[in-house]
N, C-alpha and C. Protein backbone atom coordinates (compact mmCIF):
# COMPACT_ATOMS: atom_id res chain seq x y z
N MET A 1 78.06 112.43 166.18
CA MET A 1 79.26 112.65 165.39
C MET A 1 80.46 112.79 166.31
N GLY A 2 81.60 112.35 165.84
CA GLY A 2 82.82 112.50 166.62
C GLY A 2 83.33 113.92 166.57
N GLN A 3 84.29 114.23 167.42
CA GLN A 3 84.83 115.60 167.51
C GLN A 3 85.41 116.08 166.18
N LEU A 4 86.19 115.22 165.50
CA LEU A 4 86.78 115.62 164.22
C LEU A 4 85.69 115.90 163.19
N LYS A 5 84.69 115.04 163.14
CA LYS A 5 83.60 115.25 162.19
C LYS A 5 82.83 116.51 162.54
N ASP A 6 82.59 116.76 163.82
CA ASP A 6 81.91 117.99 164.23
C ASP A 6 82.66 119.22 163.77
N GLU A 7 83.97 119.23 163.95
CA GLU A 7 84.78 120.39 163.55
C GLU A 7 84.78 120.56 162.04
N THR A 8 84.86 119.47 161.31
CA THR A 8 84.80 119.54 159.85
C THR A 8 83.45 120.08 159.40
N MET A 9 82.39 119.57 160.00
CA MET A 9 81.05 120.02 159.63
C MET A 9 80.84 121.49 160.00
N LYS A 10 81.38 121.93 161.13
CA LYS A 10 81.27 123.34 161.50
C LYS A 10 82.02 124.22 160.51
N GLU A 11 83.19 123.76 160.09
CA GLU A 11 83.96 124.52 159.10
C GLU A 11 83.18 124.65 157.80
N LEU A 12 82.57 123.55 157.36
CA LEU A 12 81.77 123.59 156.13
C LEU A 12 80.51 124.43 156.32
N ALA A 13 79.90 124.35 157.49
CA ALA A 13 78.69 125.14 157.76
C ALA A 13 78.99 126.64 157.69
N ARG A 14 80.13 127.06 158.23
CA ARG A 14 80.50 128.49 158.18
C ARG A 14 80.52 129.00 156.74
N LYS A 15 80.97 128.15 155.85
CA LYS A 15 81.15 128.54 154.46
C LYS A 15 79.89 128.37 153.61
N TYR A 16 79.12 127.30 153.87
CA TYR A 16 78.02 126.95 152.97
C TYR A 16 76.62 127.13 153.55
N VAL A 17 76.52 127.32 154.85
CA VAL A 17 75.22 127.60 155.48
C VAL A 17 75.41 128.88 156.30
N TRP A 18 75.82 129.94 155.60
CA TRP A 18 76.24 131.19 156.23
C TRP A 18 75.12 131.90 156.97
N TRP A 19 73.87 131.60 156.66
CA TRP A 19 72.74 132.28 157.28
C TRP A 19 72.43 131.76 158.68
N LYS A 20 73.14 130.71 159.11
CA LYS A 20 72.98 130.17 160.47
C LYS A 20 74.34 130.11 161.14
N SER A 21 74.34 130.08 162.46
CA SER A 21 75.60 129.85 163.16
C SER A 21 76.00 128.40 162.91
N PRO A 22 77.29 128.09 162.97
CA PRO A 22 77.71 126.70 162.77
C PRO A 22 77.03 125.71 163.72
N ASP A 23 76.86 126.10 164.98
CA ASP A 23 76.20 125.21 165.92
C ASP A 23 74.74 124.97 165.55
N GLU A 24 74.07 126.02 165.11
CA GLU A 24 72.68 125.87 164.69
C GLU A 24 72.59 125.01 163.43
N ALA A 25 73.48 125.23 162.48
CA ALA A 25 73.49 124.44 161.24
C ALA A 25 73.78 122.97 161.52
N LEU A 26 74.60 122.71 162.51
CA LEU A 26 74.98 121.34 162.85
C LEU A 26 73.80 120.52 163.37
N ARG A 27 72.73 121.19 163.78
CA ARG A 27 71.53 120.47 164.22
C ARG A 27 70.83 119.79 163.04
N ALA A 28 71.13 120.23 161.83
CA ALA A 28 70.57 119.62 160.61
C ALA A 28 71.74 119.30 159.66
N PRO A 29 72.54 118.31 160.01
CA PRO A 29 73.74 118.02 159.20
C PRO A 29 73.42 117.66 157.75
N GLN A 30 72.25 117.09 157.50
CA GLN A 30 71.90 116.74 156.12
C GLN A 30 71.87 117.98 155.25
N ARG A 31 71.44 119.11 155.81
CA ARG A 31 71.40 120.37 155.05
C ARG A 31 72.81 120.81 154.68
N ILE A 32 73.74 120.68 155.60
CA ILE A 32 75.14 121.04 155.33
C ILE A 32 75.68 120.14 154.22
N ILE A 33 75.45 118.85 154.37
CA ILE A 33 75.95 117.88 153.40
C ILE A 33 75.39 118.19 152.01
N ALA A 34 74.09 118.41 151.92
CA ALA A 34 73.47 118.70 150.63
C ALA A 34 74.01 119.99 150.03
N GLN A 35 74.20 120.99 150.85
CA GLN A 35 74.69 122.28 150.37
C GLN A 35 76.10 122.14 149.79
N VAL A 36 76.97 121.41 150.48
CA VAL A 36 78.33 121.21 149.98
C VAL A 36 78.29 120.38 148.71
N MET A 37 77.47 119.34 148.69
CA MET A 37 77.36 118.51 147.49
C MET A 37 76.86 119.32 146.30
N ASN A 38 76.02 120.30 146.54
CA ASN A 38 75.43 121.08 145.46
C ASN A 38 76.33 122.21 144.98
N VAL A 39 76.95 122.95 145.90
CA VAL A 39 77.70 124.15 145.48
C VAL A 39 79.14 124.17 145.98
N GLY A 40 79.58 123.10 146.63
CA GLY A 40 80.92 123.09 147.20
C GLY A 40 82.03 123.08 146.17
N ASP A 41 83.17 123.64 146.55
CA ASP A 41 84.33 123.56 145.66
C ASP A 41 84.97 122.18 145.81
N TYR A 42 85.90 121.88 144.92
CA TYR A 42 86.49 120.54 144.85
C TYR A 42 87.07 120.11 146.20
N ASP A 43 87.86 120.97 146.82
CA ASP A 43 88.51 120.61 148.08
C ASP A 43 87.49 120.32 149.18
N ASP A 44 86.46 121.13 149.26
CA ASP A 44 85.45 120.93 150.30
C ASP A 44 84.64 119.66 150.05
N VAL A 45 84.33 119.39 148.80
CA VAL A 45 83.61 118.15 148.47
C VAL A 45 84.45 116.94 148.85
N GLN A 46 85.74 116.99 148.55
CA GLN A 46 86.62 115.87 148.90
C GLN A 46 86.73 115.71 150.42
N MET A 47 86.83 116.83 151.13
CA MET A 47 86.89 116.78 152.59
C MET A 47 85.63 116.13 153.14
N LEU A 48 84.48 116.55 152.63
CA LEU A 48 83.20 116.00 153.08
C LEU A 48 83.14 114.50 152.80
N ALA A 49 83.47 114.11 151.60
CA ALA A 49 83.42 112.69 151.22
C ALA A 49 84.38 111.86 152.06
N ASN A 50 85.56 112.37 152.31
CA ASN A 50 86.54 111.62 153.10
C ASN A 50 86.13 111.49 154.56
N HIS A 51 85.52 112.50 155.11
CA HIS A 51 85.14 112.47 156.52
C HIS A 51 83.85 111.71 156.80
N LEU A 52 82.93 111.73 155.84
CA LEU A 52 81.63 111.10 156.09
C LEU A 52 81.47 109.76 155.38
N GLY A 53 82.14 109.59 154.26
CA GLY A 53 82.01 108.35 153.51
C GLY A 53 80.83 108.39 152.55
N PRO A 54 80.82 107.47 151.60
CA PRO A 54 79.79 107.50 150.56
C PRO A 54 78.38 107.22 151.07
N GLU A 55 78.23 106.46 152.12
CA GLU A 55 76.88 106.15 152.60
C GLU A 55 76.16 107.41 153.09
N ALA A 56 76.86 108.29 153.77
CA ALA A 56 76.25 109.55 154.23
C ALA A 56 75.85 110.42 153.04
N LEU A 57 76.64 110.39 151.98
CA LEU A 57 76.30 111.17 150.79
C LEU A 57 75.09 110.57 150.09
N ARG A 58 75.02 109.25 150.04
CA ARG A 58 73.83 108.59 149.47
C ARG A 58 72.59 108.96 150.27
N GLU A 59 72.71 108.97 151.59
CA GLU A 59 71.58 109.34 152.44
C GLU A 59 71.11 110.77 152.15
N ALA A 60 72.06 111.67 151.92
CA ALA A 60 71.69 113.05 151.60
C ALA A 60 70.87 113.10 150.31
N LEU A 61 71.24 112.30 149.33
CA LEU A 61 70.46 112.25 148.09
C LEU A 61 69.10 111.61 148.33
N ASN A 62 69.09 110.52 149.08
CA ASN A 62 67.84 109.80 149.31
C ASN A 62 66.83 110.61 150.11
N HIS A 63 67.31 111.56 150.91
CA HIS A 63 66.41 112.38 151.74
C HIS A 63 66.41 113.85 151.32
N ALA A 64 66.84 114.11 150.10
CA ALA A 64 66.91 115.50 149.61
C ALA A 64 65.53 116.11 149.51
N GLU A 65 65.50 117.38 149.83
CA GLU A 65 64.27 118.16 149.72
C GLU A 65 64.30 118.97 148.43
N ALA A 66 63.14 119.39 147.99
CA ALA A 66 63.05 120.23 146.80
C ALA A 66 63.94 121.46 146.96
N GLY A 67 64.71 121.76 145.95
CA GLY A 67 65.55 122.94 145.94
C GLY A 67 66.94 122.75 146.51
N GLN A 68 67.25 121.60 147.10
CA GLN A 68 68.58 121.40 147.68
C GLN A 68 69.64 121.09 146.63
N PHE A 69 69.24 120.53 145.51
CA PHE A 69 70.19 120.19 144.45
C PHE A 69 69.72 120.75 143.13
N ASP A 70 70.67 121.27 142.35
CA ASP A 70 70.33 121.60 140.97
C ASP A 70 70.48 120.32 140.14
N LYS A 71 69.99 120.35 138.94
CA LYS A 71 69.99 119.14 138.10
C LYS A 71 71.40 118.62 137.84
N ARG A 72 72.33 119.52 137.60
CA ARG A 72 73.70 119.11 137.31
C ARG A 72 74.32 118.35 138.49
N SER A 73 74.21 118.91 139.70
CA SER A 73 74.78 118.26 140.88
C SER A 73 74.05 116.95 141.18
N TRP A 74 72.73 116.95 141.05
CA TRP A 74 71.93 115.77 141.29
C TRP A 74 72.41 114.62 140.38
N THR A 75 72.57 114.93 139.11
CA THR A 75 73.02 113.92 138.15
C THR A 75 74.43 113.45 138.48
N TYR A 76 75.35 114.38 138.72
CA TYR A 76 76.73 114.04 139.05
C TYR A 76 76.81 113.07 140.23
N TRP A 77 76.13 113.41 141.31
CA TRP A 77 76.22 112.59 142.52
C TRP A 77 75.58 111.22 142.34
N HIS A 78 74.53 111.14 141.57
CA HIS A 78 73.95 109.82 141.32
C HIS A 78 74.93 108.93 140.56
N TYR A 79 75.62 109.49 139.60
CA TYR A 79 76.62 108.71 138.87
C TYR A 79 77.82 108.40 139.75
N ARG A 80 78.34 109.40 140.44
CA ARG A 80 79.54 109.19 141.26
C ARG A 80 79.31 108.14 142.34
N LEU A 81 78.15 108.13 142.93
CA LEU A 81 77.87 107.21 144.03
C LEU A 81 77.25 105.89 143.57
N GLY A 82 77.17 105.69 142.28
CA GLY A 82 76.66 104.43 141.75
C GLY A 82 75.18 104.22 141.97
N LEU A 83 74.42 105.30 142.03
CA LEU A 83 72.99 105.19 142.28
C LEU A 83 72.16 105.19 141.00
N ALA A 84 72.80 105.38 139.86
CA ALA A 84 72.06 105.42 138.61
C ALA A 84 72.95 104.95 137.47
N GLU A 85 72.32 104.32 136.51
CA GLU A 85 72.98 103.94 135.27
C GLU A 85 72.88 105.12 134.31
N LEU A 86 73.70 105.13 133.31
CA LEU A 86 73.71 106.21 132.32
C LEU A 86 72.30 106.43 131.76
N GLY A 87 71.83 107.65 131.86
CA GLY A 87 70.52 108.01 131.34
C GLY A 87 69.35 107.62 132.22
N GLU A 88 69.60 107.09 133.42
CA GLU A 88 68.52 106.63 134.28
C GLU A 88 68.51 107.33 135.64
N VAL A 89 68.90 108.58 135.68
CA VAL A 89 68.92 109.33 136.92
C VAL A 89 67.48 109.73 137.27
N PRO A 90 67.08 109.51 138.52
CA PRO A 90 65.72 109.91 138.91
C PRO A 90 65.57 111.43 138.85
N PRO A 91 64.33 111.91 138.76
CA PRO A 91 64.14 113.36 138.72
C PRO A 91 64.55 114.04 140.01
N VAL A 92 64.98 115.27 139.88
CA VAL A 92 65.33 116.08 141.06
C VAL A 92 64.07 116.28 141.88
N PRO A 93 64.16 116.20 143.21
CA PRO A 93 62.97 116.42 144.04
C PRO A 93 62.35 117.79 143.76
N SER A 94 61.05 117.80 143.71
CA SER A 94 60.33 119.06 143.46
C SER A 94 59.10 119.13 144.34
N ARG A 95 58.59 120.31 144.47
CA ARG A 95 57.37 120.52 145.25
C ARG A 95 56.17 120.27 144.35
N THR A 96 55.14 119.75 144.94
CA THR A 96 53.88 119.60 144.20
C THR A 96 52.82 120.38 144.95
N LEU A 97 52.04 121.08 144.20
CA LEU A 97 50.94 121.87 144.78
C LEU A 97 49.68 121.04 144.75
N PRO A 98 48.89 121.15 145.82
CA PRO A 98 47.64 120.37 145.86
C PRO A 98 46.63 120.85 144.84
């Protein structure tokens, strides 16, 4: 990541991945991206989208882990990023027990 993107991601990590230091959170940027996409406020979501672009947001959805997105955010992002047609959103990732 470039310096500007690193600083933006650190700023978002401070706010949305508060249980880790920004540098530690930056080692798993997908977690920061998913967290902002799921619970971020409008300004932070726009900042994230503008700095990373839609492909990075699509990647966050494609590699999402169980519990990273609630159903509402999952549905919103699939529609916003053109990944689903109306009524055809894939299920939110979930854990399966053996």
